[in-house]
Amino acid sequence: MPNILGYVIIVIMSEQKLKIYCDTNIYSRPFDKIISPRVYLETEACLEIVNLAKTDKIVLLSSDILCLEINRSELEKKLQIKPLLDFCHKNIQETEKTTALARRLETDLGLKPRDALHLASAILGRTDFFLTCDDEIIRKSALLSKRKLLPKIINPVDFLYHYYQQ
């Protein structure tokens, strides 16, 4: 008789959900004015990513810097974005470790302080992917991604392509 418990453990382990960190522009994109095909595709991708979190297919992480940036948004935009954060499964708190790593990322990659805090939060949250619509972050982080120290840093459209190819 086959060991059913062993089979269940293998199935559960193989269905481990991807951990995703999205920076502020991912949550803002659905409320941006659609001025190009790229913005349209990113808007649709961002909404699909939130839907994947909503249906528990991925684990979405937030952070203190993400919440701070959203809280500092214009009132109308803040009211639109905040409900999307309800689908985040865990918040990465800003600690001395986060701040120290962010400073190192600023120096090593030339990232802006807030972008470095987002990336540091994603790294300390042990995420699989860091999603952003910011080409500069993607380009600069490519320098370190070869060392496998970072989560994979990509655009939301590219993430969905990867996700649905699995």
N, C-alpha and C. Protein backbone atom coordinates (compact mmCIF):
# COMPACT_ATOMS: atom_id res chain seq x y z
N MET A 1 0.85 -1.18 0.00
CA MET A 1 0.00 0.00 0.00
C MET A 1 0.89 1.25 0.00
N PRO A 2 0.67 2.19 -0.91
CA PRO A 2 1.51 3.39 -0.99
C PRO A 2 1.32 4.28 0.23
N ASN A 3 2.38 4.99 0.57
CA ASN A 3 2.36 5.91 1.70
C ASN A 3 1.69 7.22 1.27
N ILE A 4 0.43 7.40 1.63
CA ILE A 4 -0.33 8.58 1.23
C ILE A 4 0.23 9.84 1.87
N LEU A 5 0.67 9.77 3.11
CA LEU A 5 1.21 10.94 3.81
C LEU A 5 2.43 11.48 3.07
N GLY A 6 3.31 10.60 2.62
CA GLY A 6 4.48 11.03 1.86
C GLY A 6 4.07 11.76 0.59
N TYR A 7 3.05 11.28 -0.08
CA TYR A 7 2.55 11.92 -1.30
C TYR A 7 2.01 13.31 -0.99
N VAL A 8 1.24 13.44 0.08
CA VAL A 8 0.68 14.73 0.46
C VAL A 8 1.79 15.74 0.75
N ILE A 9 2.82 15.33 1.45
CA ILE A 9 3.94 16.23 1.77
C ILE A 9 4.64 16.68 0.48
N ILE A 10 4.86 15.79 -0.45
CA ILE A 10 5.50 16.15 -1.71
C ILE A 10 4.63 17.15 -2.48
N VAL A 11 3.32 16.92 -2.55
CA VAL A 11 2.42 17.82 -3.26
C VAL A 11 2.43 19.20 -2.62
N ILE A 12 2.36 19.27 -1.30
CA ILE A 12 2.35 20.56 -0.61
C ILE A 12 3.65 21.30 -0.86
N MET A 13 4.78 20.60 -0.79
CA MET A 13 6.07 21.26 -1.00
C MET A 13 6.21 21.76 -2.44
N SER A 14 5.67 21.03 -3.41
CA SER A 14 5.80 21.43 -4.80
C SER A 14 4.87 22.60 -5.14
N GLU A 15 3.89 22.86 -4.30
CA GLU A 15 2.95 23.94 -4.55
C GLU A 15 3.27 25.18 -3.70
N GLN A 16 4.51 25.33 -3.31
CA GLN A 16 4.90 26.48 -2.52
C GLN A 16 4.68 27.75 -3.35
N LYS A 17 4.04 28.73 -2.75
CA LYS A 17 3.68 29.95 -3.46
C LYS A 17 4.86 30.89 -3.57
N LEU A 18 4.92 31.61 -4.68
CA LEU A 18 5.95 32.62 -4.87
C LEU A 18 5.69 33.80 -3.94
N LYS A 19 6.77 34.33 -3.37
CA LYS A 19 6.68 35.52 -2.53
C LYS A 19 7.07 36.72 -3.39
N ILE A 20 6.18 37.70 -3.42
CA ILE A 20 6.33 38.85 -4.31
C ILE A 20 6.31 40.14 -3.51
N TYR A 21 7.23 41.04 -3.86
CA TYR A 21 7.22 42.40 -3.30
C TYR A 21 7.01 43.35 -4.47
N CYS A 22 6.05 44.24 -4.34
CA CYS A 22 5.77 45.24 -5.36
C CYS A 22 6.07 46.62 -4.79
N ASP A 23 6.80 47.44 -5.55
CA ASP A 23 7.03 48.79 -5.05
C ASP A 23 5.79 49.65 -5.32
N THR A 24 5.83 50.88 -4.88
CA THR A 24 4.65 51.74 -4.89
C THR A 24 4.08 51.94 -6.29
N ASN A 25 4.94 52.01 -7.30
CA ASN A 25 4.39 52.28 -8.63
C ASN A 25 3.53 51.13 -9.17
N ILE A 26 3.70 49.94 -8.65
CA ILE A 26 2.84 48.81 -9.05
C ILE A 26 1.41 49.06 -8.57
N TYR A 27 1.27 49.50 -7.34
CA TYR A 27 -0.07 49.76 -6.80
C TYR A 27 -0.68 51.03 -7.40
N SER A 28 0.15 51.95 -7.82
CA SER A 28 -0.34 53.21 -8.40
C SER A 28 -0.73 53.06 -9.87
N ARG A 29 -0.08 52.14 -10.57
CA ARG A 29 -0.26 52.03 -12.02
C ARG A 29 -1.73 51.90 -12.45
N PRO A 30 -2.57 51.12 -11.77
CA PRO A 30 -3.96 51.02 -12.22
C PRO A 30 -4.73 52.34 -12.20
N PHE A 31 -4.20 53.34 -11.54
CA PHE A 31 -4.89 54.62 -11.42
C PHE A 31 -4.19 55.73 -12.21
N ASP A 32 -3.17 55.34 -12.97
CA ASP A 32 -2.48 56.29 -13.84
C ASP A 32 -3.27 56.48 -15.13
N LYS A 33 -3.06 57.61 -15.76
CA LYS A 33 -3.67 57.86 -17.06
C LYS A 33 -2.97 56.97 -18.09
N ILE A 34 -3.75 56.27 -18.90
CA ILE A 34 -3.17 55.37 -19.89
C ILE A 34 -2.76 56.19 -21.11
N ILE A 35 -1.45 56.39 -21.22
CA ILE A 35 -0.92 57.24 -22.28
C ILE A 35 -0.15 56.46 -23.35
N SER A 36 0.03 55.15 -23.12
CA SER A 36 0.77 54.35 -24.09
C SER A 36 0.39 52.88 -23.93
N PRO A 37 0.70 52.09 -24.94
CA PRO A 37 0.44 50.64 -24.82
C PRO A 37 1.17 50.03 -23.62
N ARG A 38 2.38 50.52 -23.34
CA ARG A 38 3.12 49.98 -22.20
C ARG A 38 2.35 50.22 -20.89
N VAL A 39 1.86 51.43 -20.68
CA VAL A 39 1.12 51.74 -19.46
C VAL A 39 -0.14 50.88 -19.37
N TYR A 40 -0.80 50.66 -20.50
CA TYR A 40 -1.99 49.81 -20.52
C TYR A 40 -1.64 48.38 -20.07
N LEU A 41 -0.57 47.82 -20.67
CA LEU A 41 -0.17 46.45 -20.31
C LEU A 41 0.24 46.35 -18.85
N GLU A 42 0.99 47.34 -18.36
CA GLU A 42 1.40 47.33 -16.95
C GLU A 42 0.19 47.46 -16.03
N THR A 43 -0.78 48.26 -16.42
CA THR A 43 -2.00 48.41 -15.62
C THR A 43 -2.70 47.06 -15.49
N GLU A 44 -2.90 46.39 -16.61
CA GLU A 44 -3.56 45.09 -16.59
C GLU A 44 -2.75 44.07 -15.78
N ALA A 45 -1.43 44.09 -15.94
CA ALA A 45 -0.57 43.16 -15.21
C ALA A 45 -0.66 43.41 -13.71
N CYS A 46 -0.64 44.67 -13.30
CA CYS A 46 -0.71 45.00 -11.87
C CYS A 46 -2.02 44.52 -11.26
N LEU A 47 -3.11 44.71 -11.99
CA LEU A 47 -4.40 44.24 -11.49
C LEU A 47 -4.45 42.71 -11.40
N GLU A 48 -3.84 42.03 -12.35
CA GLU A 48 -3.79 40.56 -12.32
C GLU A 48 -2.94 40.07 -11.15
N ILE A 49 -1.86 40.77 -10.84
CA ILE A 49 -1.00 40.38 -9.71
C ILE A 49 -1.76 40.52 -8.40
N VAL A 50 -2.51 41.60 -8.25
CA VAL A 50 -3.34 41.77 -7.05
C VAL A 50 -4.38 40.65 -6.99
N ASN A 51 -4.95 40.30 -8.12
CA ASN A 51 -5.93 39.20 -8.17
C ASN A 51 -5.30 37.87 -7.76
N LEU A 52 -4.06 37.63 -8.19
CA LEU A 52 -3.36 36.40 -7.79
C LEU A 52 -3.18 36.35 -6.27
N ALA A 53 -2.89 37.49 -5.67
CA ALA A 53 -2.75 37.55 -4.21
C ALA A 53 -4.11 37.37 -3.54
N LYS A 54 -5.11 38.00 -4.12
CA LYS A 54 -6.47 37.93 -3.58
C LYS A 54 -6.98 36.49 -3.55
N THR A 55 -6.60 35.71 -4.55
CA THR A 55 -7.03 34.32 -4.64
C THR A 55 -6.01 33.34 -4.05
N ASP A 56 -5.04 33.89 -3.31
CA ASP A 56 -4.03 33.09 -2.59
C ASP A 56 -3.15 32.24 -3.50
N LYS A 57 -2.88 32.70 -4.69
CA LYS A 57 -1.99 31.97 -5.59
C LYS A 57 -0.54 32.42 -5.44
N ILE A 58 -0.35 33.63 -4.91
CA ILE A 58 0.98 34.15 -4.59
C ILE A 58 0.91 34.78 -3.21
N VAL A 59 2.08 34.99 -2.61
CA VAL A 59 2.17 35.67 -1.32
C VAL A 59 2.71 37.06 -1.62
N LEU A 60 1.93 38.06 -1.29
CA LEU A 60 2.30 39.45 -1.55
C LEU A 60 2.76 40.09 -0.25
N LEU A 61 3.92 40.73 -0.29
CA LEU A 61 4.48 41.39 0.89
C LEU A 61 4.41 42.91 0.74
N SER A 62 4.18 43.58 1.84
CA SER A 62 4.24 45.04 1.87
C SER A 62 5.38 45.43 2.81
N SER A 63 5.56 46.72 3.00
CA SER A 63 6.63 47.19 3.89
C SER A 63 6.24 48.53 4.48
N ASP A 64 7.00 48.93 5.48
CA ASP A 64 6.77 50.24 6.09
C ASP A 64 6.98 51.36 5.09
N ILE A 65 8.00 51.25 4.21
CA ILE A 65 8.25 52.32 3.24
C ILE A 65 7.11 52.38 2.22
N LEU A 66 6.56 51.24 1.85
CA LEU A 66 5.43 51.21 0.92
C LEU A 66 4.23 51.93 1.54
N CYS A 67 3.92 51.59 2.77
CA CYS A 67 2.79 52.23 3.47
C CYS A 67 3.02 53.73 3.64
N LEU A 68 4.24 54.12 3.96
CA LEU A 68 4.56 55.54 4.11
C LEU A 68 4.34 56.29 2.80
N GLU A 69 4.84 55.75 1.71
CA GLU A 69 4.67 56.42 0.41
C GLU A 69 3.20 56.53 0.02
N ILE A 70 2.44 55.50 0.26
CA ILE A 70 1.01 55.54 -0.07
C ILE A 70 0.28 56.53 0.83
N ASN A 71 0.63 56.55 2.11
CA ASN A 71 0.00 57.51 3.02
C ASN A 71 0.32 58.96 2.68
N ARG A 72 1.44 59.18 2.01
CA ARG A 72 1.83 60.54 1.61
C ARG A 72 1.26 60.94 0.25
N SER A 73 0.55 60.04 -0.39
CA SER A 73 -0.06 60.33 -1.69
C SER A 73 -1.22 61.31 -1.52
N GLU A 74 -1.63 61.88 -2.64
CA GLU A 74 -2.83 62.73 -2.62
C GLU A 74 -3.99 61.90 -2.11
N LEU A 75 -4.93 62.55 -1.44
CA LEU A 75 -6.04 61.85 -0.79
C LEU A 75 -6.78 60.92 -1.74
N GLU A 76 -7.13 61.40 -2.93
CA GLU A 76 -7.90 60.58 -3.86
C GLU A 76 -7.12 59.32 -4.26
N LYS A 77 -5.85 59.50 -4.56
CA LYS A 77 -5.02 58.36 -4.96
C LYS A 77 -4.84 57.39 -3.78
N LYS A 78 -4.62 57.95 -2.59
CA LYS A 78 -4.46 57.10 -1.41
C LYS A 78 -5.70 56.24 -1.18
N LEU A 79 -6.88 56.82 -1.34
CA LEU A 79 -8.12 56.08 -1.14
C LEU A 79 -8.31 54.98 -2.19
N GLN A 80 -7.75 55.19 -3.38
CA GLN A 80 -7.83 54.16 -4.41
C GLN A 80 -6.84 53.02 -4.17
N ILE A 81 -5.65 53.38 -3.71
CA ILE A 81 -4.58 52.39 -3.57
C ILE A 81 -4.69 51.55 -2.30
N LYS A 82 -5.06 52.19 -1.19
CA LYS A 82 -5.05 51.48 0.10
C LYS A 82 -5.79 50.14 0.10
N PRO A 83 -6.96 50.03 -0.54
CA PRO A 83 -7.64 48.72 -0.54
C PRO A 83 -6.81 47.60 -1.19
N LEU A 84 -5.93 47.95 -2.10
CA LEU A 84 -5.09 46.92 -2.74
C LEU A 84 -4.12 46.29 -1.73
N LEU A 85 -3.74 47.07 -0.73
CA LEU A 85 -2.81 46.55 0.28
C LEU A 85 -3.46 45.50 1.20
N ASP A 86 -4.78 45.45 1.18
CA ASP A 86 -5.49 44.46 1.99
C ASP A 86 -5.13 43.03 1.59
N PHE A 87 -4.61 42.86 0.37
CA PHE A 87 -4.29 41.53 -0.11
C PHE A 87 -2.85 41.13 0.16
N CYS A 88 -2.11 42.01 0.84
CA CYS A 88 -0.75 41.67 1.25
C CYS A 88 -0.82 40.73 2.44
N HIS A 89 0.01 39.73 2.43
CA HIS A 89 -0.01 38.71 3.47
C HIS A 89 0.88 39.04 4.66
N LYS A 90 1.89 39.87 4.43
CA LYS A 90 2.85 40.16 5.49
C LYS A 90 3.46 41.53 5.24
N ASN A 91 3.78 42.24 6.30
CA ASN A 91 4.45 43.54 6.21
C ASN A 91 5.88 43.40 6.73
N ILE A 92 6.83 43.90 5.94
CA ILE A 92 8.24 43.91 6.36
C ILE A 92 8.49 45.24 7.07
N GLN A 93 8.78 45.15 8.35
CA GLN A 93 9.00 46.37 9.14
C GLN A 93 10.39 46.92 8.91
N GLU A 94 10.47 48.23 8.97
CA GLU A 94 11.77 48.88 8.82
C GLU A 94 12.53 48.77 10.14
N THR A 95 13.71 48.19 10.07
CA THR A 95 14.56 48.01 11.23
C THR A 95 15.93 48.60 10.92
N GLU A 96 16.83 48.53 11.88
CA GLU A 96 18.20 48.98 11.63
C GLU A 96 18.84 48.15 10.51
N LYS A 97 18.50 46.88 10.48
CA LYS A 97 19.04 45.99 9.44
C LYS A 97 18.55 46.43 8.05
N THR A 98 17.27 46.79 7.96
CA THR A 98 16.71 47.27 6.69
C THR A 98 17.40 48.55 6.24
N THR A 99 17.56 49.47 7.18
CA THR A 99 18.19 50.76 6.87
C THR A 99 19.65 50.58 6.45
N ALA A 100 20.38 49.72 7.15
CA ALA A 100 21.78 49.48 6.81
C ALA A 100 21.91 48.85 5.42
N LEU A 101 21.05 47.89 5.12
CA LEU A 101 21.08 47.26 3.80
C LEU A 101 20.70 48.27 2.72
N ALA A 102 19.72 49.11 3.01
CA ALA A 102 19.30 50.14 2.04
C ALA A 102 20.45 51.09 1.74
N ARG A 103 21.18 51.49 2.76
CA ARG A 103 22.34 52.38 2.53
C ARG A 103 23.38 51.71 1.64
N ARG A 104 23.60 50.43 1.88
CA ARG A 104 24.56 49.70 1.05
C ARG A 104 24.09 49.60 -0.40
N LEU A 105 22.79 49.39 -0.58
CA LEU A 105 22.23 49.32 -1.94
C LEU A 105 22.31 50.68 -2.64
N GLU A 106 22.10 51.75 -1.88
CA GLU A 106 22.26 53.10 -2.44
C GLU A 106 23.67 53.28 -2.98
N THR A 107 24.64 52.88 -2.18
CA THR A 107 26.05 53.04 -2.55
C THR A 107 26.43 52.12 -3.71
N ASP A 108 26.10 50.83 -3.58
CA ASP A 108 26.50 49.84 -4.58
C ASP A 108 25.80 50.00 -5.92
N LEU A 109 24.51 50.35 -5.87
CA LEU A 109 23.73 50.42 -7.11
C LEU A 109 23.42 51.85 -7.56
N GLY A 110 23.61 52.81 -6.66
CA GLY A 110 23.24 54.18 -7.00
C GLY A 110 21.74 54.39 -6.99
N LEU A 111 21.04 53.62 -6.15
CA LEU A 111 19.59 53.77 -6.06
C LEU A 111 19.22 54.97 -5.21
N LYS A 112 18.04 55.52 -5.46
CA LYS A 112 17.50 56.58 -4.61
C LYS A 112 17.16 55.96 -3.25
N PRO A 113 17.19 56.75 -2.18
CA PRO A 113 16.96 56.19 -0.84
C PRO A 113 15.67 55.38 -0.70
N ARG A 114 14.56 55.88 -1.21
CA ARG A 114 13.31 55.12 -1.07
C ARG A 114 13.32 53.84 -1.89
N ASP A 115 13.90 53.90 -3.08
CA ASP A 115 14.00 52.69 -3.90
C ASP A 115 14.87 51.64 -3.19
N ALA A 116 15.94 52.11 -2.56
CA ALA A 116 16.82 51.20 -1.82
C ALA A 116 16.08 50.58 -0.63
N LEU A 117 15.23 51.34 0.04
CA LEU A 117 14.44 50.79 1.16
C LEU A 117 13.45 49.73 0.66
N HIS A 118 12.84 49.98 -0.48
CA HIS A 118 11.94 48.96 -1.06
C HIS A 118 12.71 47.67 -1.34
N LEU A 119 13.85 47.81 -2.00
CA LEU A 119 14.63 46.63 -2.36
C LEU A 119 15.15 45.91 -1.11
N ALA A 120 15.61 46.67 -0.13
CA ALA A 120 16.07 46.07 1.12
C ALA A 120 14.93 45.30 1.80
N SER A 121 13.75 45.86 1.78
CA SER A 121 12.59 45.17 2.37
C SER A 121 12.31 43.87 1.65
N ALA A 122 12.40 43.89 0.32
CA ALA A 122 12.16 42.68 -0.46
C ALA A 122 13.22 41.62 -0.17
N ILE A 123 14.47 42.05 -0.05
CA ILE A 123 15.55 41.11 0.24
C ILE A 123 15.36 40.48 1.61
N LEU A 124 15.11 41.32 2.63
CA LEU A 124 14.94 40.80 3.99
C LEU A 124 13.66 39.99 4.15
N GLY A 125 12.68 40.26 3.29
CA GLY A 125 11.45 39.46 3.29
C GLY A 125 11.61 38.15 2.53
N ARG A 126 12.83 37.93 2.01
CA ARG A 126 13.17 36.71 1.27
C ARG A 126 12.18 36.44 0.12
N THR A 127 11.92 37.49 -0.64
CA THR A 127 10.98 37.35 -1.75
C THR A 127 11.65 36.70 -2.95
N ASP A 128 10.83 36.12 -3.79
CA ASP A 128 11.31 35.53 -5.03
C ASP A 128 11.42 36.58 -6.13
N PHE A 129 10.50 37.55 -6.10
CA PHE A 129 10.45 38.58 -7.12
C PHE A 129 10.21 39.96 -6.49
N PHE A 130 10.86 40.94 -7.07
CA PHE A 130 10.63 42.35 -6.75
C PHE A 130 10.09 42.96 -8.03
N LEU A 131 8.84 43.45 -7.98
CA LEU A 131 8.20 43.98 -9.17
C LEU A 131 8.18 45.50 -9.14
N THR A 132 8.51 46.09 -10.28
CA THR A 132 8.53 47.55 -10.41
C THR A 132 8.28 47.92 -11.87
N CYS A 133 7.74 49.11 -12.08
CA CYS A 133 7.60 49.66 -13.44
C CYS A 133 8.76 50.60 -13.73
N ASP A 134 9.69 50.73 -12.80
CA ASP A 134 10.81 51.66 -12.91
C ASP A 134 11.99 50.99 -13.61
N ASP A 135 12.22 51.38 -14.87
CA ASP A 135 13.30 50.79 -15.66
C ASP A 135 14.67 51.03 -15.04
N GLU A 136 14.83 52.17 -14.37
CA GLU A 136 16.12 52.49 -13.76
C GLU A 136 16.48 51.49 -12.66
N ILE A 137 15.52 51.15 -11.83
CA ILE A 137 15.76 50.17 -10.77
C ILE A 137 16.13 48.82 -11.39
N ILE A 138 15.40 48.42 -12.41
CA ILE A 138 15.66 47.13 -13.07
C ILE A 138 17.06 47.13 -13.66
N ARG A 139 17.41 48.20 -14.34
CA ARG A 139 18.74 48.28 -14.98
C ARG A 139 19.86 48.27 -13.95
N LYS A 140 19.72 49.09 -12.90
CA LYS A 140 20.78 49.18 -11.89
C LYS A 140 20.92 47.88 -11.09
N SER A 141 19.83 47.24 -10.81
CA SER A 141 19.89 46.02 -10.00
C SER A 141 20.44 44.84 -10.77
N ALA A 142 20.44 44.92 -12.09
CA ALA A 142 21.00 43.83 -12.90
C ALA A 142 22.47 43.61 -12.57
N LEU A 143 23.13 44.65 -12.07
CA LEU A 143 24.54 44.54 -11.70
C LEU A 143 24.76 43.52 -10.58
N LEU A 144 23.83 43.47 -9.64
CA LEU A 144 23.98 42.55 -8.50
C LEU A 144 23.22 41.25 -8.67
N SER A 145 22.26 41.21 -9.56
CA SER A 145 21.44 40.00 -9.67
C SER A 145 22.25 38.79 -10.12
N LYS A 146 23.37 39.02 -10.78
CA LYS A 146 24.22 37.90 -11.21
C LYS A 146 24.80 37.16 -10.02
N ARG A 147 24.90 37.83 -8.89
CA ARG A 147 25.45 37.20 -7.69
C ARG A 147 24.39 36.41 -6.92
N LYS A 148 23.17 36.42 -7.39
CA LYS A 148 22.05 35.70 -6.76
C LYS A 148 21.76 36.21 -5.35
N LEU A 149 22.11 37.46 -5.07
CA LEU A 149 21.85 38.02 -3.74
C LEU A 149 20.48 38.67 -3.67
N LEU A 150 19.90 38.93 -4.81
CA LEU A 150 18.65 39.67 -4.85
C LEU A 150 17.51 38.79 -5.34
N PRO A 151 16.29 39.21 -5.03
CA PRO A 151 15.17 38.55 -5.72
C PRO A 151 15.25 38.93 -7.20
N LYS A 152 14.57 38.22 -8.04
CA LYS A 152 14.52 38.58 -9.46
C LYS A 152 13.73 39.89 -9.57
N ILE A 153 14.34 40.88 -10.19
CA ILE A 153 13.75 42.23 -10.27
C ILE A 153 13.28 42.46 -11.70
N ILE A 154 11.95 42.52 -11.86
CA ILE A 154 11.38 42.64 -13.20
C ILE A 154 10.12 43.48 -13.22
N ASN A 155 9.71 43.78 -14.41
CA ASN A 155 8.48 44.51 -14.69
C ASN A 155 7.29 43.56 -14.46
N PRO A 156 6.11 44.08 -14.09
CA PRO A 156 4.96 43.20 -13.82
C PRO A 156 4.51 42.38 -15.04
N VAL A 157 4.65 42.92 -16.23
CA VAL A 157 4.28 42.18 -17.44
C VAL A 157 5.20 40.97 -17.60
N ASP A 158 6.49 41.18 -17.40
CA ASP A 158 7.45 40.07 -17.49
C ASP A 158 7.20 39.03 -16.40
N PHE A 159 6.81 39.48 -15.23
CA PHE A 159 6.51 38.54 -14.15
C PHE A 159 5.35 37.62 -14.55
N LEU A 160 4.29 38.20 -15.08
CA LEU A 160 3.14 37.36 -15.46
C LEU A 160 3.51 36.37 -16.55
N TYR A 161 4.33 36.78 -17.47
CA TYR A 161 4.80 35.84 -18.49
C TYR A 161 5.52 34.68 -17.81
N HIS A 162 6.41 34.99 -16.87
CA HIS A 162 7.13 33.96 -16.13
C HIS A 162 6.16 33.08 -15.34
N TYR A 163 5.23 33.70 -14.64
CA TYR A 163 4.30 32.99 -13.77
C TYR A 163 3.46 31.98 -14.56
N TYR A 164 2.92 32.42 -15.68
CA TYR A 164 2.04 31.54 -16.45
C TYR A 164 2.79 30.54 -17.32
N GLN A 165 4.11 30.67 -17.43
CA GLN A 165 4.92 29.69 -18.15
C GLN A 165 5.31 28.51 -17.27
N GLN A 166 5.14 28.65 -15.96
CA GLN A 166 5.51 27.57 -15.04
C GLN A 166 4.67 26.35 -15.24
